[in-house]
């Protein structure tokens, strides 16, 4: 019998290893097909009396102060994060404006450096001088100064009384400054 059941469930597989779930249902239907069903006597349903249980209300849960503190800290941190994002956005906008201004100033710098270099360009200086009516001096207009002679310098000494007066004046100014400081 064990061999029959063993062979009974072994069916060849053609391309799919999935279980055929309807096989067991069909076999059960075939086994029960020859049986005659006998009506079962109706039994009255038994009524089991259970003692009535009182529904107890669950006691109200109290929230821990630690949890409330944690929630408060979390809310504060979220608000700080939002304020930080707002400040970051403002700073980013100002950085963008400053970069634009830097680019504009670099262009202006290049133009000013070019203009400055043109002022010292010899051909430009020559053109401007000729436009103003200037011309090169002729050989009759050039004079040479000879400084080959000896050099001399004279040092004058100031009066001693003048030095004492200046020293007294500085001392008086210093005393006035101290008096004004401590007033």
Protein backbone atom coordinates (compact mmCIF):
# COMPACT_ATOMS: atom_id res chain seq x y z
CA UNK A 1 0.00 0.00 0.00
CA UNK A 2 2.84 2.35 0.83
CA UNK A 3 4.29 1.63 -2.57
CA UNK A 4 1.01 2.46 -4.25
CA UNK A 5 0.76 5.81 -2.51
CA UNK A 6 4.38 6.53 -3.21
CA UNK A 7 3.91 5.88 -6.91
CA UNK A 8 0.52 7.54 -6.85
CA UNK A 9 2.00 11.00 -6.17
CA UNK A 10 4.93 10.62 -8.49
CA UNK A 11 3.85 11.91 -11.84
CA UNK A 12 6.16 12.79 -14.69
CA UNK A 13 7.03 16.45 -15.07
CA UNK A 14 6.96 17.92 -18.53
CA UNK A 15 8.78 21.26 -18.52
CA UNK A 16 7.46 22.72 -15.26
CA UNK A 17 8.26 21.87 -11.68
CA UNK A 18 5.33 23.82 -10.28
CA UNK A 19 2.90 21.88 -8.09
CA UNK A 20 -0.44 21.00 -9.55
CA UNK A 21 -2.62 21.99 -6.63
CA UNK A 22 -5.77 20.61 -8.18
CA UNK A 23 -4.37 17.04 -8.22
CA UNK A 24 -5.17 16.35 -4.58
CA UNK A 25 -8.68 17.80 -4.93
CA UNK A 26 -9.41 15.61 -7.96
CA UNK A 27 -8.12 12.49 -6.20
CA UNK A 28 -10.29 13.17 -3.16
CA UNK A 29 -13.35 13.67 -5.39
CA UNK A 30 -12.66 10.36 -7.16
CA UNK A 31 -12.34 8.49 -3.85
CA UNK A 32 -15.56 9.99 -2.50
CA UNK A 33 -17.48 9.44 -5.75
CA UNK A 34 -18.34 5.84 -4.89
CA UNK A 35 -19.47 6.48 -1.32
CA UNK A 36 -23.01 7.12 -0.32
CA UNK A 37 -23.47 10.03 1.94
CA UNK A 38 -25.53 9.37 4.97
CA UNK A 39 -27.36 12.23 6.53
CA UNK A 40 -26.05 13.05 9.94
CA UNK A 41 -28.52 13.58 12.72
CA UNK A 42 -29.02 17.21 13.55
CA UNK A 43 -27.92 18.11 16.99
CA UNK A 44 -29.24 21.09 18.76
CA UNK A 45 -26.60 23.65 19.24
CA UNK A 46 -25.36 23.70 22.75
CA UNK A 47 -25.62 26.92 24.50
CA UNK A 48 -22.81 27.47 26.81
CA UNK A 49 -23.45 30.05 29.39
CA UNK A 50 -20.47 32.08 30.13
CA UNK A 51 -20.28 34.33 33.05
CA UNK A 52 -20.52 37.90 31.86
CA UNK A 53 -17.19 39.54 31.99
CA UNK A 54 -16.99 43.12 32.94
CA UNK A 55 -15.28 45.16 30.29
CA UNK A 56 -12.57 46.97 32.02
CA UNK A 57 -11.40 50.25 30.69
CA UNK A 58 -7.75 50.46 30.10
CA UNK A 59 -6.13 52.92 32.48
CA UNK A 60 -5.14 56.18 30.83
CA UNK A 61 -1.56 56.08 29.65
CA UNK A 62 0.63 58.82 31.00
CA UNK A 63 3.26 60.26 28.72
CA UNK A 64 6.70 60.30 30.22
CA UNK A 65 8.24 63.74 30.80
CA UNK A 66 11.37 62.42 29.15
CA UNK A 67 9.42 61.70 25.96
CA UNK A 68 7.83 65.16 26.07
CA UNK A 69 11.26 66.72 26.55
CA UNK A 70 12.61 64.71 23.63
CA UNK A 71 9.74 65.86 21.43
CA UNK A 72 10.33 69.48 22.48
CA UNK A 73 14.04 69.20 21.68
CA UNK A 74 13.19 67.62 18.32
CA UNK A 75 10.78 70.45 17.48
CA UNK A 76 13.39 73.05 18.42
CA UNK A 77 15.99 71.29 16.28
CA UNK A 78 13.63 71.15 13.30
CA UNK A 79 12.88 74.86 13.68
CA UNK A 80 16.62 75.61 13.89
CA UNK A 81 17.16 73.54 10.76
CA UNK A 82 14.47 75.48 8.89
CA UNK A 83 15.93 78.81 10.01
CA UNK A 84 19.34 77.55 8.90
CA UNK A 85 17.97 76.70 5.47
CA UNK A 86 16.46 80.17 5.17
CA UNK A 87 19.77 81.78 6.13
CA UNK A 88 21.63 79.50 3.73
CA UNK A 89 19.31 80.58 0.92
CA UNK A 90 19.87 84.25 1.75
CA UNK A 91 23.64 83.80 1.90
CA UNK A 92 23.61 81.90 -1.40
CA UNK A 93 21.67 84.73 -3.02
CA UNK A 94 24.09 87.35 -1.70
CA UNK A 95 27.07 85.25 -2.86
CA UNK A 96 25.54 85.08 -6.33
CA UNK A 97 25.08 88.86 -6.34
CA UNK A 98 28.67 89.38 -5.17
CA UNK A 99 30.00 87.04 -7.88
CA UNK A 100 28.10 89.03 -10.48
CA UNK A 101 29.51 92.26 -9.08
CA UNK A 102 33.03 90.79 -9.06
CA UNK A 103 32.67 89.85 -12.74
CA UNK A 104 31.44 93.36 -13.57
CA UNK A 105 34.34 94.92 -11.61
CA UNK A 106 36.88 92.66 -13.33
CA UNK A 107 35.65 93.87 -16.72
CA UNK A 108 35.84 97.46 -15.49
CA UNK A 109 39.34 96.79 -14.10
CA UNK A 110 40.56 95.52 -17.47
CA UNK A 111 39.15 98.63 -19.17
CA UNK A 112 40.79 100.96 -16.62
CA UNK A 113 44.17 99.17 -16.82
CA UNK A 114 44.04 99.49 -20.60
CA UNK A 115 43.24 103.20 -20.31
CA UNK A 116 46.03 103.67 -17.72
CA UNK A 117 48.59 101.92 -19.93
CA UNK A 118 47.58 104.12 -22.86
CA UNK A 119 48.39 107.24 -20.82
CA UNK A 120 52.02 106.09 -20.53
CA UNK A 121 52.29 104.87 -24.08
CA UNK A 122 54.95 107.02 -25.70
CA UNK A 123 53.13 107.29 -29.00
CA UNK A 124 49.97 108.48 -27.19
CA UNK A 125 51.99 110.98 -25.12
CA UNK A 126 53.68 112.27 -28.28
CA UNK A 127 50.33 112.66 -30.08
CA UNK A 128 48.81 114.51 -27.12
CA UNK A 129 51.85 116.80 -26.81
CA UNK A 130 51.75 117.67 -30.50
CA UNK A 131 47.99 118.28 -30.24
CA UNK A 132 48.67 120.72 -27.37
CA UNK A 133 51.21 122.62 -29.54
CA UNK A 134 54.41 121.25 -28.04
CA UNK A 135 57.41 120.33 -30.13
CA UNK A 136 60.92 119.03 -29.54
CA UNK A 137 63.46 121.69 -28.50
CA UNK A 138 66.01 122.77 -31.03
CA UNK A 139 69.75 122.71 -30.32
CA UNK A 140 69.72 126.46 -29.59
CA UNK A 141 67.15 125.96 -26.84
CA UNK A 142 69.15 123.35 -24.92
CA UNK A 143 71.36 124.57 -22.07
CA UNK A 144 73.69 122.34 -20.05
CA UNK A 145 74.40 123.12 -16.39
CA UNK A 146 77.86 122.33 -15.06
CA UNK A 147 77.83 121.13 -11.45
CA UNK A 148 81.47 120.09 -11.22
CA UNK A 149 82.33 122.79 -8.59
CA UNK A 150 82.67 122.10 -4.85
CA UNK A 151 79.65 121.67 -2.71
CA UNK A 152 79.20 123.47 0.57
CA UNK A 153 76.56 123.49 3.28
CA UNK A 154 76.02 125.89 6.15
CA UNK A 155 74.47 124.75 9.47
CA UNK A 156 73.03 127.37 11.80
CA UNK A 157 72.67 126.72 15.50
CA UNK A 158 69.48 127.80 17.17
CA UNK A 159 69.57 129.95 20.28
CA UNK A 160 69.67 128.10 23.59
CA UNK A 161 66.90 130.35 24.92
CA UNK A 162 64.67 129.32 22.06
CA UNK A 163 65.19 125.65 22.95
CA UNK A 164 64.37 126.26 26.62
CA UNK A 165 61.21 128.10 25.67
CA UNK A 166 60.07 125.21 23.47
CA UNK A 167 60.85 122.71 26.24
CA UNK A 168 58.83 124.74 28.75
CA UNK A 169 55.94 125.03 26.29
CA UNK A 170 55.90 121.24 25.73
CA UNK A 171 55.98 120.60 29.48
CA UNK A 172 53.03 122.97 30.01
CA UNK A 173 51.09 121.28 27.18
CA UNK A 174 51.73 117.86 28.76
CA UNK A 175 50.44 119.05 32.16
CA UNK A 176 47.28 120.50 30.56
CA UNK A 177 46.69 117.21 28.75
CA UNK A 178 46.97 115.27 32.02
CA UNK A 179 44.57 117.63 33.79
CA UNK A 180 42.02 117.29 30.97
CA UNK A 181 42.39 113.51 31.01
CA UNK A 182 41.61 113.17 34.72
CA UNK A 183 38.67 115.61 34.72
